[in-house]
N, C-alpha and C. Protein backbone atom coordinates (compact mmCIF):
# COMPACT_ATOMS: atom_id res chain seq x y z
N MET A 1 120.09 115.20 209.09
CA MET A 1 120.97 113.60 208.52
C MET A 1 121.00 113.13 210.29
N LYS A 2 121.58 111.97 210.70
CA LYS A 2 121.71 111.46 211.99
C LYS A 2 121.75 110.02 212.06
N GLN A 3 122.01 108.84 212.59
CA GLN A 3 122.40 108.02 212.65
C GLN A 3 120.65 107.46 212.89
N LYS A 4 120.36 106.63 212.00
CA LYS A 4 119.04 105.57 212.54
C LYS A 4 119.28 103.92 212.40
N TRP A 5 118.90 102.98 213.11
CA TRP A 5 118.95 101.73 212.76
C TRP A 5 120.42 101.27 212.58
N GLY A 6 121.18 101.84 212.74
CA GLY A 6 122.86 101.52 212.24
C GLY A 6 122.88 102.06 210.53
N SER A 7 122.40 102.96 210.04
CA SER A 7 122.87 103.42 209.27
C SER A 7 122.74 104.92 208.87
N LEU A 8 123.16 105.77 207.70
CA LEU A 8 122.92 107.13 207.85
C LEU A 8 121.89 107.55 207.52
N ALA A 9 120.58 108.01 207.95
CA ALA A 9 119.44 108.82 207.14
C ALA A 9 119.64 110.65 206.89
N PHE A 10 119.02 110.45 205.55
CA PHE A 10 119.32 111.71 205.20
C PHE A 10 118.17 112.45 204.85
N GLN A 11 117.57 113.56 205.40
CA GLN A 11 116.03 114.34 204.97
C GLN A 11 116.54 115.49 203.85
N ALA A 12 116.10 115.43 202.46
CA ALA A 12 116.35 116.86 201.85
C ALA A 12 114.89 116.49 200.64
N PHE A 13 115.13 118.37 200.70
CA PHE A 13 113.87 118.21 199.39
C PHE A 13 114.98 118.87 198.51
N PRO A 14 114.59 118.86 197.24
CA PRO A 14 114.94 119.74 196.03
C PRO A 14 115.00 121.62 195.89
N ARG A 15 114.39 121.48 196.68
CA ARG A 15 113.62 123.07 196.81
C ARG A 15 113.18 123.76 198.25
N PRO A 16 113.04 124.47 198.53
CA PRO A 16 111.87 124.33 200.26
C PRO A 16 110.55 124.15 199.55
N TRP A 17 110.26 123.20 200.64
CA TRP A 17 108.98 122.06 201.23
C TRP A 17 108.00 123.26 200.91
N GLN A 18 106.78 122.92 199.75
CA GLN A 18 105.80 123.66 200.15
C GLN A 18 104.73 122.37 200.22
N HIS A 19 103.60 123.62 201.00
CA HIS A 19 102.68 122.73 201.15
C HIS A 19 101.73 121.62 200.00
N GLY A 20 101.29 120.37 199.77
CA GLY A 20 101.02 119.98 199.02
C GLY A 20 102.59 119.64 197.56
N GLY A 21 103.43 120.30 198.09
CA GLY A 21 104.69 119.44 197.30
C GLY A 21 105.11 120.43 196.31
N ASN A 22 105.85 120.45 195.66
CA ASN A 22 106.20 121.29 194.94
C ASN A 22 107.84 120.87 193.85
N TRP A 23 107.88 119.45 193.87
CA TRP A 23 109.05 118.94 193.19
C TRP A 23 108.50 117.56 192.18
N THR A 24 109.07 118.01 191.30
CA THR A 24 108.98 116.50 189.69
C THR A 24 108.89 115.18 190.99
N ASP A 25 108.14 114.11 190.45
CA ASP A 25 108.88 112.51 190.56
C ASP A 25 109.85 112.24 190.41
N ALA A 26 110.53 112.60 188.79
CA ALA A 26 112.43 112.80 188.40
C ALA A 26 112.91 112.91 189.36
N GLU A 27 112.77 114.56 189.65
CA GLU A 27 113.64 115.04 191.38
C GLU A 27 113.64 114.07 192.21
N HIS A 28 112.68 113.89 193.02
CA HIS A 28 112.25 112.63 193.96
C HIS A 28 113.37 111.60 193.86
N ALA A 29 113.47 111.32 192.65
CA ALA A 29 113.84 110.02 192.50
C ALA A 29 115.30 110.31 192.41
N ARG A 30 115.70 111.64 191.65
CA ARG A 30 117.26 111.74 191.76
C ARG A 30 117.87 111.59 193.38
N LEU A 31 116.99 112.50 193.78
CA LEU A 31 117.13 113.22 195.75
C LEU A 31 117.49 111.83 196.10
N HIS A 32 116.72 110.22 195.96
CA HIS A 32 116.73 109.48 196.40
C HIS A 32 117.71 108.41 196.12
N ALA A 33 118.48 108.75 195.14
CA ALA A 33 119.19 107.73 194.49
C ALA A 33 120.86 108.30 195.38
N VAL A 34 120.72 109.78 195.39
CA VAL A 34 121.95 109.90 196.02
C VAL A 34 122.04 109.65 197.85
N THR A 35 120.73 110.46 198.49
CA THR A 35 120.57 109.67 199.66
C THR A 35 120.72 108.33 199.53
N ASP A 36 120.12 107.55 198.92
CA ASP A 36 120.25 106.15 199.34
C ASP A 36 121.54 105.57 199.23
N ALA A 37 122.24 105.54 198.05
CA ALA A 37 123.39 105.38 197.89
C ALA A 37 124.53 105.65 199.34
N PHE A 38 124.65 106.75 199.69
CA PHE A 38 125.34 107.14 200.68
C PHE A 38 124.86 106.50 202.27
N ALA A 39 123.89 106.39 202.48
CA ALA A 39 122.82 105.35 203.30
C ALA A 39 123.67 103.95 203.54
N ASP A 40 123.03 103.44 202.36
CA ASP A 40 124.14 102.00 201.89
C ASP A 40 125.60 101.68 202.23
N ARG A 41 126.29 102.91 201.70
CA ARG A 41 127.36 102.72 202.31
C ARG A 41 127.97 102.83 203.46
N SER A 42 127.42 103.87 204.11
CA SER A 42 127.30 103.78 205.65
C SER A 42 127.32 103.21 206.32
N GLU A 43 126.53 101.64 205.84
CA GLU A 43 126.24 100.66 206.81
C GLU A 43 128.03 99.83 206.77
N GLY A 44 129.20 100.53 206.32
CA GLY A 44 130.22 99.42 206.81
C GLY A 44 131.04 100.21 206.91
N ILE A 45 131.04 101.74 207.53
CA ILE A 45 132.10 102.20 207.85
C ILE A 45 132.10 102.59 209.65
N CYS A 46 133.36 102.64 209.84
CA CYS A 46 133.19 103.12 211.81
C CYS A 46 132.52 104.32 211.93
N GLU A 47 131.13 104.48 213.01
CA GLU A 47 130.70 105.87 213.07
C GLU A 47 131.92 106.12 213.96
N ARG A 48 132.40 105.81 214.60
CA ARG A 48 134.02 106.57 215.70
C ARG A 48 135.29 106.58 214.74
N CYS A 49 135.34 106.09 213.63
CA CYS A 49 136.78 106.83 212.95
C CYS A 49 137.15 106.14 211.49
N ALA A 50 135.77 105.86 211.17
CA ALA A 50 135.84 105.83 209.61
C ALA A 50 136.34 104.73 209.02
N ALA A 51 137.09 103.90 209.87
CA ALA A 51 137.57 102.45 209.11
C ALA A 51 136.08 101.53 208.88
N ASN A 52 136.62 100.54 208.38
CA ASN A 52 135.52 99.40 207.85
C ASN A 52 135.40 98.55 209.24
N GLY A 53 133.25 98.87 208.75
CA GLY A 53 132.90 98.19 210.20
C GLY A 53 131.79 97.72 210.18
N SER A 54 131.17 97.17 210.56
CA SER A 54 129.69 96.07 210.60
C SER A 54 128.98 96.68 212.18
N LEU A 55 127.79 96.67 211.89
CA LEU A 55 126.65 96.26 212.61
C LEU A 55 127.19 96.10 213.84
N ARG A 56 126.57 96.52 215.15
CA ARG A 56 126.82 95.97 216.54
C ARG A 56 125.71 96.11 216.82
N GLU A 57 125.12 95.16 217.30
CA GLU A 57 124.34 95.16 218.37
C GLU A 57 124.54 94.78 219.91
N SER A 58 125.23 95.19 220.57
CA SER A 58 125.46 94.75 222.20
C SER A 58 125.19 95.88 222.68
N TRP A 59 124.63 97.23 222.19
CA TRP A 59 124.40 98.13 223.10
C TRP A 59 122.50 98.18 223.09
N ARG A 60 121.95 99.54 223.89
CA ARG A 60 120.53 99.41 223.45
C ARG A 60 119.74 100.65 222.02
N ILE A 61 121.19 100.67 221.28
CA ILE A 61 121.52 101.07 220.25
C ILE A 61 121.75 100.53 219.18
N LEU A 62 121.36 100.67 217.94
CA LEU A 62 122.55 100.01 217.04
C LEU A 62 123.71 100.78 216.53
N LEU A 63 125.00 100.70 216.42
CA LEU A 63 125.85 100.91 216.11
C LEU A 63 126.73 100.30 214.69
N VAL A 64 127.47 101.17 213.91
CA VAL A 64 128.29 100.45 213.36
C VAL A 64 129.71 100.81 213.53
N LEU A 65 130.29 100.23 214.29
CA LEU A 65 131.82 99.58 214.65
C LEU A 65 133.20 98.57 214.00
N CYS A 66 133.88 98.91 214.24
CA CYS A 66 134.95 98.73 213.81
C CYS A 66 135.67 97.61 215.02
N ASP A 67 136.26 96.87 214.95
CA ASP A 67 136.44 95.96 215.74
C ASP A 67 137.05 96.25 217.25
N ARG A 68 138.40 97.50 216.64
CA ARG A 68 138.63 98.09 217.95
C ARG A 68 137.63 99.12 218.12
N CYS A 69 137.50 100.14 217.82
CA CYS A 69 136.28 101.23 218.68
C CYS A 69 134.94 100.60 219.21
N GLU A 70 134.74 99.35 218.79
CA GLU A 70 133.75 98.54 219.91
C GLU A 70 133.88 98.42 221.24
N THR A 71 135.35 98.28 221.52
CA THR A 71 135.77 97.44 222.78
C THR A 71 136.04 99.07 223.17
N LEU A 72 136.23 100.20 222.69
CA LEU A 72 136.21 101.58 223.20
C LEU A 72 134.67 102.26 223.34
N ILE A 73 133.40 101.65 223.22
CA ILE A 73 132.47 102.73 223.31
C ILE A 73 131.82 102.12 225.11
N PRO A 74 131.51 102.59 225.65
CA PRO A 74 130.80 102.56 227.17
C PRO A 74 129.87 101.98 227.11
N GLU A 75 129.40 101.19 228.07
CA GLU A 75 128.03 100.32 227.71
C GLU A 75 126.76 100.79 227.87
N HIS A 76 126.66 102.23 228.11
CA HIS A 76 125.40 103.14 227.59
C HIS A 76 125.49 103.34 225.86
N GLY A 77 126.19 102.96 225.28
CA GLY A 77 126.73 103.11 223.86
C GLY A 77 127.00 104.39 223.21
N HIS A 78 126.52 105.54 223.88
CA HIS A 78 127.07 107.20 223.48
C HIS A 78 128.07 107.00 223.12
N LEU A 79 128.86 107.64 221.72
CA LEU A 79 130.09 107.74 221.10
C LEU A 79 130.71 109.02 222.22
């Protein structure tokens, strides 16, 4: 799990990965339905305090921040 392009990115498999794959298309679809829903939701939640936020492109990296937290982030953009 990580932040990527201002959104929560989560990679998961229904069971341990095996070369050639070992999960069904239905399992893959269910898993992505859950992870995609949380990724979409993360695009409106401040990464620093969890208040309502929006995508900020003021730094070298994209961050989702509320107005208050945007003023607290240093120029390099690290939380």
